Amino acid sequence: MKLVLFNAGRLGALQHDESVIDLNFAYAALKESEGVNRFYIKADADVPSDLMAFIKEGKEGLERASEAVYFVKDGNLEGPMGEKLIYKPDEVTLRAPLPGMGIKIAMAGANFYDHSVDAYRSLRGATTTVEELKEQVARGEYRAWGFWKQPTCVIGPDGETPYPDRTERLDYEVELAAVIGRECKDVSEEEGIDFIYGYTILNDLSIRDGGSGGGPDGLFYAKNFEGSAPLGPCIVTADEIEDVYKLSMRQWVNGELRQDGNMESIIRGYSWWLSYLSRDMPFFPGDMICGGTCSGTAMDQTPRVDGSTDPKLFLNPGDELEAWIEGVGTLKSRIVSKS
């Protein structure tokens, strides 16, 4: 199922024709048709319209939601009080599928082989190969690192990112975010996949002018600013993805294909990251882990000359972004001048 937040923030199921079914009202209508008393209360408990509450319902919630979807597809289009149960695409405004402002968003750094090979060349002027990197990983010489995105930086589909004052080199990174479904700590790598509820797209917008050290131009500041985390368009539940490490991923800037990769290039998978991070902190429903990006960022394509990079491939106000991942959908956003 593809879960969305739409219009006023209600929970919906995105259909193949891009129509959206209101799951909570549809379930209430289903229960009324079955003669259940207090069907609204039943629906609020079993298929809540709050995304975080629904995620916490787990597989049982998804099973009930599926019943509601089939009920609507059978031709039942109005709720008990005349509520609209299905919306046409032009009646829908999608919101960011963000479960809550208190969630963690963990970001894996340099976690794709092809992106890392390009980064070696552009940042260090060094040449390496995927095979050499794989050997470094096997020997334990390629350390894992990452950072955190703040949920306050999230914007939804068709959202706008004000161009930051402190950059001339704004970059893009299409990433697949895994959404955690259950509270967990000290998770083994073998069981990590069982805690993933679903997946969505996060476009990791990044300031590339400074270094990644601890100063004012450090990594935290380079990754967190208004609109730096376009998210969406949906959360596709894990049962819909046969093999997450076979998915294609692409990014267009103003219609020009910039990134064209595959999850096969990932270095460490989601189960590894959940196991690694949960050693020292619990994870909760709605938390996210982004697995990194493939080759093709502006930084990848712009080798340093005399310690600097040519800004021509980096983003500018007016640029239109389309981040696509197979099985999930397309996340559109734009860069605008700061007002």
Protein backbone atom coordinates (compact mmCIF):
# COMPACT_ATOMS: atom_id res chain seq x y z
CA MET A 1 0.00 0.00 0.00
CA LYS A 2 1.15 3.54 -0.74
CA LEU A 3 0.28 5.73 2.22
CA VAL A 4 -0.05 9.48 1.83
CA LEU A 5 -1.01 12.49 3.89
CA PHE A 6 -3.32 14.68 1.83
CA ASN A 7 -5.24 17.95 1.95
CA ALA A 8 -5.70 18.82 5.64
CA GLY A 9 -3.31 16.02 6.61
CA ARG A 10 -5.63 13.03 6.49
CA LEU A 11 -4.27 9.54 5.87
CA GLY A 12 -4.94 8.13 2.44
CA ALA A 13 -4.08 5.25 0.14
CA LEU A 14 -2.63 6.34 -3.20
CA GLN A 15 -4.04 4.36 -6.12
CA HIS A 16 -2.52 3.51 -9.52
CA ASP A 17 -4.50 6.30 -11.19
CA GLU A 18 -3.22 8.74 -8.52
CA SER A 19 -6.62 9.01 -6.87
CA VAL A 20 -6.58 8.84 -3.06
CA ILE A 21 -8.88 6.89 -0.73
CA ASP A 22 -9.54 8.37 2.73
CA LEU A 23 -8.77 5.31 4.85
CA ASN A 24 -10.32 6.44 8.13
CA PHE A 25 -13.68 7.47 6.68
CA ALA A 26 -13.72 4.44 4.36
CA TYR A 27 -13.21 2.12 7.33
CA ALA A 28 -15.97 3.91 9.28
CA ALA A 29 -18.31 3.40 6.32
CA LEU A 30 -17.34 -0.27 6.13
CA LYS A 31 -18.04 -0.80 9.83
CA GLU A 32 -21.40 0.98 9.53
CA SER A 33 -22.35 -1.34 6.66
CA GLU A 34 -21.54 -4.28 8.92
CA GLY A 35 -23.84 -2.99 11.65
CA VAL A 36 -21.05 -2.04 14.06
CA ASN A 37 -22.05 0.46 16.75
CA ARG A 38 -19.99 3.63 17.21
CA PHE A 39 -18.32 3.06 13.86
CA TYR A 40 -16.48 6.41 13.95
CA ILE A 41 -14.87 5.53 17.27
CA LYS A 42 -14.02 2.09 15.89
CA ALA A 43 -12.41 3.65 12.83
CA ASP A 44 -10.41 6.15 14.88
CA ALA A 45 -9.03 3.29 16.97
CA ASP A 46 -8.36 0.75 14.21
CA VAL A 47 -7.48 2.95 11.21
CA PRO A 48 -6.50 6.32 12.70
CA SER A 49 -6.02 9.18 10.28
CA ASP A 50 -2.88 10.23 12.17
CA LEU A 51 0.12 8.72 10.35
CA MET A 52 2.17 7.97 13.46
CA ALA A 53 -0.78 6.30 15.19
CA PHE A 54 -1.46 4.26 12.06
CA ILE A 55 2.15 3.08 11.77
CA LYS A 56 1.95 1.88 15.38
CA GLU A 57 -1.01 -0.33 14.40
CA GLY A 58 1.44 -2.38 12.32
CA LYS A 59 0.28 -5.23 10.10
CA GLU A 60 -3.17 -5.29 11.69
CA GLY A 61 -3.71 -1.66 10.72
CA LEU A 62 -2.67 -2.37 7.15
CA GLU A 63 -5.04 -5.33 6.95
CA ARG A 64 -7.94 -3.16 8.12
CA ALA A 65 -6.93 -0.41 5.69
CA SER A 66 -6.92 -2.95 2.85
CA GLU A 67 -10.48 -3.92 3.76
CA ALA A 68 -11.43 -0.25 3.55
CA VAL A 69 -9.80 0.12 0.13
CA TYR A 70 -11.68 -2.89 -1.27
CA PHE A 71 -14.92 -1.52 0.19
CA VAL A 72 -14.46 1.70 -1.79
CA LYS A 73 -13.41 -0.15 -4.94
CA ASP A 74 -16.68 -2.09 -4.70
CA GLY A 75 -18.48 1.17 -5.39
CA ASN A 76 -19.05 2.62 -1.94
CA LEU A 77 -18.11 6.27 -2.40
CA GLU A 78 -19.66 8.09 0.57
CA GLY A 79 -19.15 7.87 4.31
CA PRO A 80 -21.87 7.58 6.98
CA MET A 81 -22.38 11.36 7.02
CA GLY A 82 -21.80 11.88 3.31
CA GLU A 83 -18.02 12.13 3.60
CA LYS A 84 -16.08 11.81 0.36
CA LEU A 85 -14.19 8.50 0.36
CA ILE A 86 -12.15 8.81 -2.83
CA TYR A 87 -10.55 11.89 -4.36
CA LYS A 88 -9.49 12.50 -7.94
CA PRO A 89 -5.86 13.56 -8.50
CA ASP A 90 -6.83 17.20 -9.10
CA GLU A 91 -8.69 17.24 -5.76
CA VAL A 92 -5.62 16.21 -3.79
CA THR A 93 -2.71 18.14 -2.32
CA LEU A 94 -0.09 15.75 -0.98
CA ARG A 95 1.76 16.57 2.23
CA ALA A 96 5.11 15.25 3.40
CA PRO A 97 4.60 11.74 4.84
CA LEU A 98 6.32 12.81 8.05
CA PRO A 99 5.02 10.82 11.03
CA GLY A 100 5.88 13.55 13.53
CA MET A 101 8.20 16.43 14.38
CA GLY A 102 9.92 14.39 17.08
CA ILE A 103 11.31 11.68 14.82
CA LYS A 104 14.97 10.99 14.03
CA ILE A 105 16.22 11.06 10.44
CA ALA A 106 19.56 9.25 10.20
CA MET A 107 21.58 9.78 7.03
CA ALA A 108 24.26 7.38 5.80
CA GLY A 109 27.27 9.19 4.34
CA ALA A 110 29.14 8.06 1.20
CA ASN A 111 27.24 4.77 1.26
CA PHE A 112 27.10 3.95 -2.46
CA TYR A 113 30.12 2.57 -4.28
CA ASP A 114 29.62 4.62 -7.45
CA HIS A 115 29.04 7.88 -5.54
CA SER A 116 32.08 7.22 -3.34
CA VAL A 117 34.34 6.56 -6.34
CA ASP A 118 33.25 9.87 -7.86
CA ALA A 119 33.71 11.68 -4.54
CA TYR A 120 37.29 10.39 -4.26
CA ARG A 121 38.02 11.91 -7.66
CA SER A 122 36.23 15.23 -7.21
CA LEU A 123 37.21 15.96 -3.60
CA ARG A 124 40.65 14.38 -3.34
CA GLY A 125 41.80 14.24 -6.93
CA ALA A 126 42.43 10.53 -6.31
CA THR A 127 41.49 7.60 -8.49
CA THR A 128 39.97 4.45 -7.07
CA THR A 129 37.63 1.72 -8.30
CA VAL A 130 34.55 0.00 -6.96
CA GLU A 131 36.59 -3.18 -6.55
CA GLU A 132 39.20 -1.36 -4.46
CA LEU A 133 36.49 0.14 -2.26
CA LYS A 134 34.92 -3.27 -1.76
CA GLU A 135 38.28 -4.58 -0.60
CA GLN A 136 38.58 -1.66 1.85
CA VAL A 137 35.12 -2.45 3.22
CA ALA A 138 35.99 -6.14 3.58
CA ARG A 139 39.17 -5.26 5.49
CA GLY A 140 37.29 -2.86 7.77
CA GLU A 141 39.21 0.14 6.42
CA TYR A 142 36.21 2.01 4.99
CA ARG A 143 34.54 3.42 8.06
CA ALA A 144 30.85 4.12 8.31
CA TRP A 145 29.85 7.72 8.94
CA GLY A 146 26.76 9.82 8.69
CA PHE A 147 24.76 12.69 10.10
CA TRP A 148 21.23 13.69 11.08
CA LYS A 149 18.58 15.66 9.22
CA GLN A 150 16.16 17.66 11.33
CA PRO A 151 12.44 17.02 10.74
CA THR A 152 11.94 20.80 10.76
CA CYS A 153 13.80 20.85 7.41
CA VAL A 154 11.23 18.60 5.73
CA ILE A 155 8.97 19.88 2.96
CA GLY A 156 6.38 17.90 1.02
CA PRO A 157 5.76 17.12 -2.65
CA ASP A 158 5.90 20.22 -4.87
CA GLY A 159 7.47 22.10 -1.97
CA GLU A 160 9.85 25.03 -2.23
CA THR A 161 13.38 25.35 -0.85
CA PRO A 162 14.58 28.94 -0.35
CA TYR A 163 18.09 29.24 -1.74
CA PRO A 164 20.39 29.54 1.31
CA ASP A 165 22.32 32.78 1.78
CA ARG A 166 25.50 30.96 2.73
CA THR A 167 26.10 28.98 -0.44
CA GLU A 168 26.94 29.20 -4.10
CA ARG A 169 27.00 25.43 -4.44
CA LEU A 170 23.68 23.80 -3.54
CA ASP A 171 23.59 20.10 -4.34
CA TYR A 172 20.97 17.33 -4.61
CA GLU A 173 20.95 13.64 -3.60
CA VAL A 174 18.07 11.26 -4.29
CA GLU A 175 17.82 8.83 -1.36
CA LEU A 176 15.56 5.99 -0.25
CA ALA A 177 14.45 6.43 3.36
CA ALA A 178 13.45 3.40 5.42
CA VAL A 179 10.68 4.11 7.94
CA ILE A 180 10.89 2.23 11.24
CA GLY A 181 7.67 0.53 12.33
CA ARG A 182 8.36 -0.68 15.87
CA GLU A 183 10.39 0.42 18.87
CA CYS A 184 13.73 -1.36 18.97
CA LYS A 185 17.19 -1.29 20.50
CA ASP A 186 20.25 -3.53 20.12
CA VAL A 187 18.82 -4.99 16.94
CA SER A 188 20.88 -7.65 15.19
CA GLU A 189 21.66 -7.15 11.52
CA GLU A 190 19.77 -10.35 10.73
CA GLU A 191 16.52 -9.11 12.27
CA GLY A 192 16.83 -5.46 11.28
CA ILE A 193 14.69 -5.80 8.16
CA ASP A 194 11.75 -6.91 10.33
CA PHE A 195 11.55 -3.46 11.92
CA ILE A 196 11.19 -1.58 8.63
CA TYR A 197 7.61 -0.49 7.99
CA GLY A 198 8.08 1.04 4.57
CA TYR A 199 10.05 3.35 2.32
CA THR A 200 9.84 6.88 0.99
CA ILE A 201 12.04 9.32 -0.96
CA LEU A 202 14.14 12.02 0.65
CA ASN A 203 16.05 14.49 -1.51
CA ASP A 204 19.11 15.38 0.58
CA LEU A 205 19.85 18.98 -0.40
CA SER A 206 23.35 19.95 0.66
CA ILE A 207 25.59 23.00 0.89
CA ARG A 208 28.93 22.08 -0.71
CA ASP A 209 30.97 25.27 -0.29
CA GLY A 210 32.66 24.48 3.03
CA GLY A 211 34.31 21.44 4.53
CA SER A 212 32.65 18.78 6.65
CA GLY A 213 34.46 19.57 9.86
CA GLY A 214 33.10 20.90 13.12
CA GLY A 215 33.21 24.63 12.40
CA PRO A 216 30.39 26.91 11.28
CA ASP A 217 30.56 25.39 7.81
CA GLY A 218 30.51 21.86 9.21
CA LEU A 219 28.39 18.96 8.07
CA PHE A 220 25.43 19.65 10.35
CA TYR A 221 25.09 23.18 8.98
CA ALA A 222 25.65 22.02 5.42
CA LYS A 223 22.80 19.52 5.64
CA ASN A 224 20.21 21.37 7.71
CA PHE A 225 18.46 24.51 6.48
CA GLU A 226 14.96 25.50 5.48
CA GLY A 227 13.56 23.05 2.93
CA SER A 228 16.70 20.90 2.82
CA ALA A 229 14.72 17.65 3.04
CA PRO A 230 11.98 17.27 0.42
CA LEU A 231 10.10 14.10 1.42
CA GLY A 232 7.46 11.96 -0.30
CA PRO A 233 5.33 11.47 -2.22
CA CYS A 234 4.22 8.45 -0.17
CA ILE A 235 5.35 5.73 2.18
CA VAL A 236 5.19 2.45 0.29
CA THR A 237 4.83 -0.40 2.77
CA ALA A 238 7.65 -2.92 2.91
CA ASP A 239 5.47 -5.79 1.70
CA GLU A 240 5.14 -4.01 -1.66
CA ILE A 241 8.90 -4.07 -2.31
CA GLU A 242 10.22 -7.47 -3.40
CA ASP A 243 13.92 -6.55 -3.15
CA VAL A 244 14.83 -3.08 -1.95
CA TYR A 245 18.41 -3.54 -3.17
CA LYS A 246 17.31 -3.93 -6.81
CA LEU A 247 15.47 -0.62 -7.14
CA SER A 248 16.49 1.94 -9.75
CA MET A 249 16.81 5.59 -8.71
CA ARG A 250 17.05 8.77 -10.77
CA GLN A 251 17.10 12.54 -10.44
CA TRP A 252 16.33 15.22 -13.02
CA VAL A 253 17.17 18.92 -12.79
CA ASN A 254 15.05 21.04 -15.14
CA GLY A 255 14.31 17.89 -17.13
CA GLU A 256 17.99 16.93 -17.49
CA LEU A 257 18.85 13.50 -16.10
CA ARG A 258 21.62 13.96 -13.53
CA GLN A 259 21.50 10.82 -11.39
CA ASP A 260 20.82 7.36 -12.80
CA GLY A 261 21.70 4.58 -10.39
CA ASN A 262 20.55 1.50 -8.56
CA MET A 263 20.31 0.39 -4.96
CA GLU A 264 22.65 -2.48 -5.89
CA SER A 265 25.52 -0.02 -5.37
CA ILE A 266 24.76 0.47 -1.66
CA ILE A 267 27.69 -0.33 0.64
CA ARG A 268 25.90 -1.02 3.91
CA GLY A 269 22.19 -1.85 3.94
CA TYR A 270 19.40 -0.64 6.18
CA SER A 271 19.61 -3.60 8.54
CA TRP A 272 23.30 -2.88 9.10
CA TRP A 273 22.62 0.77 9.90
CA LEU A 274 19.74 -0.02 12.24
CA SER A 275 21.88 -2.58 14.06
CA TYR A 276 24.83 -0.19 14.28
CA LEU A 277 22.86 2.84 15.46
CA SER A 278 20.52 0.99 17.80
CA ARG A 279 23.43 -0.24 19.90
CA ASP A 280 23.47 3.09 21.67
CA MET A 281 20.01 4.56 21.16
CA PRO A 282 16.50 3.21 20.74
CA PHE A 283 14.58 3.70 17.53
CA PHE A 284 10.86 4.39 17.53
CA PRO A 285 8.00 4.13 15.04
CA GLY A 286 8.33 6.83 12.40
CA ASP A 287 12.10 7.23 12.70
CA MET A 288 13.89 7.08 9.35
CA ILE A 289 17.21 5.84 7.99
CA CYS A 290 18.33 7.14 4.59
CA GLY A 291 20.72 4.82 2.80
CA GLY A 292 22.71 7.34 0.77
CA THR A 293 22.75 8.37 -2.87
CA CYS A 294 24.08 7.12 -6.18
CA SER A 295 26.52 8.83 -8.54
CA GLY A 296 25.60 11.97 -10.42
CA THR A 297 25.43 14.74 -7.85
CA ALA A 298 26.78 18.14 -8.87
CA MET A 299 29.78 17.51 -6.61
CA ASP A 300 30.44 14.16 -8.31
CA GLN A 301 30.50 15.78 -11.73
CA THR A 302 32.63 18.80 -10.77
CA PRO A 303 36.27 18.00 -9.91
CA ARG A 304 38.06 20.56 -7.76
CA VAL A 305 40.47 22.93 -9.49
CA ASP A 306 42.82 24.93 -7.26
CA GLY A 307 40.79 23.82 -4.25
CA SER A 308 37.44 24.99 -5.60
CA THR A 309 34.62 23.69 -7.79
CA ASP A 310 32.86 25.26 -10.74
CA PRO A 311 29.32 26.15 -9.57
CA LYS A 312 27.63 25.71 -12.96
CA LEU A 313 26.14 22.24 -12.24
CA PHE A 314 24.93 23.18 -8.78
CA LEU A 315 21.37 24.32 -8.12
CA ASN A 316 20.03 27.84 -8.56
CA PRO A 317 16.75 29.62 -7.83
CA GLY A 318 14.14 28.52 -10.34
CA ASP A 319 15.49 24.99 -10.72
CA GLU A 320 12.94 22.16 -10.77
CA LEU A 321 13.88 18.82 -9.19
CA GLU A 322 12.38 15.39 -9.81
CA ALA A 323 13.64 12.55 -7.62
CA TRP A 324 12.34 9.12 -8.65
CA ILE A 325 12.76 5.69 -7.09
CA GLU A 326 11.30 2.55 -8.63
CA GLY A 327 8.25 1.29 -6.79
CA VAL A 328 7.88 4.46 -4.73
CA GLY A 329 7.18 7.27 -7.18
CA THR A 330 8.38 10.75 -8.10
CA LEU A 331 9.10 13.53 -5.63
CA LYS A 332 9.03 17.00 -7.19
CA SER A 333 10.32 20.18 -5.59
CA ARG A 334 11.81 23.51 -6.63
CA ILE A 335 14.45 25.99 -5.56
CA VAL A 336 13.24 29.55 -5.05
CA SER A 337 14.86 32.87 -4.24
CA LYS A 338 14.82 33.73 -0.58
CA SER A 339 12.11 36.30 0.04
